[in-house]
Amino acid sequence: VQLQASGGGLVQAGGSLGLSCAASGRTFSSYAMGWFRQAPGKEREFVAAISWSGDTTVYADSVKGRFTISRDNAKNTVYLQMNGLKPEDTAVYYCAATFLPGRPRVRTTASEVDFWGQGTQVTVSS
């Protein structure tokens, strides 16, 4: 699976941005998808994840209530809508795919990810 993320940019605090991640291949619906982020000097951290069916979503506490993850299996695309952005959300955002068919599940640790996208920069100014 190849992943291509897009939609990053510069936004003022309190603003919104939407990220997209397009996946290649015919087995997208067998993958749980997620978003991670990495700020300068920090480790890559989990942001949000969604099961292959879209039935199960999980969020990091730091973004709960502000970010929404969704997917469209017909378009092989996963989305991250980010509202109420804060300067501490500034990071490179990576989409991630983990092969998890069957019972809808997600993974929230970077070591369990099978494929990574190239990353897209999100900068939130104060």
C-alpha atoms as a PDB file:
ATOM      1  CA  VAL A   1       0.000   0.000   0.000  1.00  0.00           C
ATOM      2  CA  GLN A   2       1.282   3.436  -0.927  1.00  0.00           C
ATOM      3  CA  LEU A   3      -0.050   6.441   0.948  1.00  0.00           C
ATOM      4  CA  GLN A   4      -0.103  10.054  -0.218  1.00  0.00           C
ATOM      5  CA  ALA A   5      -1.051  12.673   2.329  1.00  0.00           C
ATOM      6  CA  SER A   6      -2.133  16.209   1.477  1.00  0.00           C
ATOM      7  CA  GLY A   7      -3.870  19.229   2.959  1.00  0.00           C
ATOM      8  CA  GLY A   8      -1.371  20.611   5.429  1.00  0.00           C
ATOM      9  CA  GLY A   9      -0.580  24.270   5.702  1.00  0.00           C
ATOM     10  CA  LEU A  10      -0.406  27.338   7.911  1.00  0.00           C
ATOM     11  CA  VAL A  11      -3.394  28.367   9.993  1.00  0.00           C
ATOM     12  CA  GLN A  12      -4.035  30.672  12.925  1.00  0.00           C
ATOM     13  CA  ALA A  13      -4.921  29.314  16.321  1.00  0.00           C
ATOM     14  CA  GLY A  14      -8.591  28.438  16.486  1.00  0.00           C
ATOM     15  CA  GLY A  15      -8.738  27.720  12.791  1.00  0.00           C
ATOM     16  CA  SER A  16      -9.398  24.526  10.873  1.00  0.00           C
ATOM     17  CA  LEU A  17      -7.605  22.312   8.392  1.00  0.00           C
ATOM     18  CA  GLY A  18      -8.522  19.099   6.649  1.00  0.00           C
ATOM     19  CA  LEU A  19      -6.012  16.419   5.759  1.00  0.00           C
ATOM     20  CA  SER A  20      -6.492  13.677   3.206  1.00  0.00           C
ATOM     21  CA  CYS A  21      -4.568  10.492   2.589  1.00  0.00           C
ATOM     22  CA  ALA A  22      -5.069   8.593  -0.645  1.00  0.00           C
ATOM     23  CA  ALA A  23      -4.063   4.940  -0.732  1.00  0.00           C
ATOM     24  CA  SER A  24      -3.107   2.842  -3.704  1.00  0.00           C
ATOM     25  CA  GLY A  25      -3.984  -0.812  -4.068  1.00  0.00           C
ATOM     26  CA  ARG A  26      -7.184  -2.824  -4.033  1.00  0.00           C
ATOM     27  CA  THR A  27      -7.156  -3.912  -0.394  1.00  0.00           C
ATOM     28  CA  PHE A  28      -7.648  -0.546   1.288  1.00  0.00           C
ATOM     29  CA  SER A  29     -10.778  -1.810   3.034  1.00  0.00           C
ATOM     30  CA  SER A  30      -8.681  -4.449   4.846  1.00  0.00           C
ATOM     31  CA  TYR A  31      -6.587  -1.800   6.568  1.00  0.00           C
ATOM     32  CA  ALA A  32      -7.193   0.144   9.697  1.00  0.00           C
ATOM     33  CA  MET A  33      -5.991   3.685   9.089  1.00  0.00           C
ATOM     34  CA  GLY A  34      -4.545   6.267  11.372  1.00  0.00           C
ATOM     35  CA  TRP A  35      -2.848   9.606  11.738  1.00  0.00           C
ATOM     36  CA  PHE A  36       0.298  10.273  13.746  1.00  0.00           C
ATOM     37  CA  ARG A  37       2.281  13.446  14.149  1.00  0.00           C
ATOM     38  CA  GLN A  38       5.814  14.420  14.976  1.00  0.00           C
ATOM     39  CA  ALA A  39       6.921  17.800  16.236  1.00  0.00           C
ATOM     40  CA  PRO A  40      10.567  18.896  16.084  1.00  0.00           C
ATOM     41  CA  GLY A  41      12.611  17.196  18.749  1.00  0.00           C
ATOM     42  CA  LYS A  42       9.768  14.929  19.799  1.00  0.00           C
ATOM     43  CA  GLU A  43       8.801  11.348  19.133  1.00  0.00           C
ATOM     44  CA  ARG A  44       6.087  10.449  16.691  1.00  0.00           C
ATOM     45  CA  GLU A  45       2.767  10.310  18.536  1.00  0.00           C
ATOM     46  CA  PHE A  46      -0.628   8.853  17.876  1.00  0.00           C
ATOM     47  CA  VAL A  47      -3.423  11.228  16.864  1.00  0.00           C
ATOM     48  CA  ALA A  48      -6.414   9.217  15.616  1.00  0.00           C
ATOM     49  CA  ALA A  49      -7.330   5.855  14.121  1.00  0.00           C
ATOM     50  CA  ILE A  50     -10.260   4.259  12.342  1.00  0.00           C
ATOM     51  CA  SER A  51     -11.097   0.629  11.674  1.00  0.00           C
ATOM     52  CA  TRP A  52     -11.476  -0.762   8.166  1.00  0.00           C
ATOM     53  CA  SER A  53     -15.249  -0.480   8.428  1.00  0.00           C
ATOM     54  CA  GLY A  54     -15.266   2.989   9.946  1.00  0.00           C
ATOM     55  CA  ASP A  55     -17.242   1.672  12.926  1.00  0.00           C
ATOM     56  CA  THR A  56     -14.452   2.136  15.430  1.00  0.00           C
ATOM     57  CA  THR A  57     -12.534   5.355  15.985  1.00  0.00           C
ATOM     58  CA  VAL A  58      -9.988   6.244  18.649  1.00  0.00           C
ATOM     59  CA  TYR A  59      -8.449   9.613  19.456  1.00  0.00           C
ATOM     60  CA  ALA A  60      -5.574  10.852  21.524  1.00  0.00           C
ATOM     61  CA  ASP A  61      -6.809  12.773  24.543  1.00  0.00           C
ATOM     62  CA  SER A  62      -5.081  15.901  23.268  1.00  0.00           C
ATOM     63  CA  VAL A  63      -7.271  16.071  20.151  1.00  0.00           C
ATOM     64  CA  LYS A  64     -10.515  14.498  21.359  1.00  0.00           C
ATOM     65  CA  GLY A  65     -13.471  16.722  20.573  1.00  0.00           C
ATOM     66  CA  ARG A  66     -11.481  18.814  18.081  1.00  0.00           C
ATOM     67  CA  PHE A  67     -10.335  16.318  15.439  1.00  0.00           C
ATOM     68  CA  THR A  68     -12.436  13.872  13.431  1.00  0.00           C
ATOM     69  CA  ILE A  69     -11.134  10.918  11.446  1.00  0.00           C
ATOM     70  CA  SER A  70     -13.194   9.390   8.657  1.00  0.00           C
ATOM     71  CA  ARG A  71     -12.721   7.241   5.587  1.00  0.00           C
ATOM     72  CA  ASP A  72     -14.254   6.536   2.220  1.00  0.00           C
ATOM     73  CA  ASN A  73     -13.401   3.007   1.118  1.00  0.00           C
ATOM     74  CA  ALA A  74     -14.829   3.625  -2.343  1.00  0.00           C
ATOM     75  CA  LYS A  75     -12.238   6.380  -2.808  1.00  0.00           C
ATOM     76  CA  ASN A  76      -9.399   4.648  -0.919  1.00  0.00           C
ATOM     77  CA  THR A  77      -9.063   7.763   1.204  1.00  0.00           C
ATOM     78  CA  VAL A  78      -8.870   8.603   4.883  1.00  0.00           C
ATOM     79  CA  TYR A  79      -9.466  12.085   6.234  1.00  0.00           C
ATOM     80  CA  LEU A  80      -8.598  14.079   9.315  1.00  0.00           C
ATOM     81  CA  GLN A  81     -10.683  17.166  10.002  1.00  0.00           C
ATOM     82  CA  MET A  82      -8.939  19.394  12.521  1.00  0.00           C
ATOM     83  CA  ASN A  83     -10.903  22.155  14.235  1.00  0.00           C
ATOM     84  CA  GLY A  84      -9.949  24.450  17.056  1.00  0.00           C
ATOM     85  CA  LEU A  85      -6.291  24.153  16.201  1.00  0.00           C
ATOM     86  CA  LYS A  86      -3.706  25.114  18.791  1.00  0.00           C
ATOM     87  CA  PRO A  87      -0.021  26.005  18.412  1.00  0.00           C
ATOM     88  CA  GLU A  88       0.843  22.712  20.092  1.00  0.00           C
ATOM     89  CA  ASP A  89      -0.785  20.890  17.161  1.00  0.00           C
ATOM     90  CA  THR A  90       2.098  22.085  14.975  1.00  0.00           C
ATOM     91  CA  ALA A  91       3.833  19.018  13.562  1.00  0.00           C
ATOM     92  CA  VAL A  92       4.359  16.875  10.511  1.00  0.00           C
ATOM     93  CA  TYR A  93       1.297  14.672  10.180  1.00  0.00           C
ATOM     94  CA  TYR A  94       1.643  11.142   8.828  1.00  0.00           C
ATOM     95  CA  CYS A  95      -1.066   8.821   7.683  1.00  0.00           C
ATOM     96  CA  ALA A  96      -0.612   5.169   8.530  1.00  0.00           C
ATOM     97  CA  ALA A  97      -2.055   1.838   7.444  1.00  0.00           C
ATOM     98  CA  THR A  98      -2.196  -1.386   9.445  1.00  0.00           C
ATOM     99  CA  PHE A  99      -3.506  -4.632   7.995  1.00  0.00           C
ATOM    100  CA  LEU A 100      -6.469  -5.534  10.227  1.00  0.00           C
ATOM    101  CA  PRO A 101      -9.266  -7.322   8.374  1.00  0.00           C
ATOM    102  CA  GLY A 102     -12.109  -9.095  10.133  1.00  0.00           C
ATOM    103  CA  ARG A 103     -13.327  -7.767  13.449  1.00  0.00           C
ATOM    104  CA  PRO A 104     -13.080  -3.949  13.338  1.00  0.00           C
ATOM    105  CA  ARG A 105     -10.052  -2.883  15.334  1.00  0.00           C
ATOM    106  CA  VAL A 106      -7.448  -0.163  15.376  1.00  0.00           C
ATOM    107  CA  ARG A 107      -3.832   0.197  16.385  1.00  0.00           C
ATOM    108  CA  THR A 108      -2.474   3.232  18.173  1.00  0.00           C
ATOM    109  CA  THR A 109       1.258   2.589  18.386  1.00  0.00           C
ATOM    110  CA  ALA A 110       3.743   3.479  15.671  1.00  0.00           C
ATOM    111  CA  SER A 111       5.511   0.125  15.928  1.00  0.00           C
ATOM    112  CA  GLU A 112       2.351  -1.672  14.741  1.00  0.00           C
ATOM    113  CA  VAL A 113       1.970   0.355  11.557  1.00  0.00           C
ATOM    114  CA  ASP A 114       2.610  -1.486   8.292  1.00  0.00           C
ATOM    115  CA  PHE A 115       2.793   1.454   5.896  1.00  0.00           C
ATOM    116  CA  TRP A 116       3.470   5.165   6.295  1.00  0.00           C
ATOM    117  CA  GLY A 117       2.664   8.138   4.121  1.00  0.00           C
ATOM    118  CA  GLN A 118       5.243  10.817   3.418  1.00  0.00           C
ATOM    119  CA  GLY A 119       3.962  13.395   5.907  1.00  0.00           C
ATOM    120  CA  THR A 120       2.400  16.813   5.547  1.00  0.00           C
ATOM    121  CA  GLN A 121       3.324  19.892   7.582  1.00  0.00           C
ATOM    122  CA  VAL A 122       0.720  21.573   9.772  1.00  0.00           C
ATOM    123  CA  THR A 123       1.712  24.870  11.372  1.00  0.00           C
ATOM    124  CA  VAL A 124      -0.539  26.702  13.797  1.00  0.00           C
ATOM    125  CA  SER A 125       0.409  30.261  14.630  1.00  0.00           C
ATOM    126  CA  SER A 126      -0.550  31.919  17.893  1.00  0.00           C
END
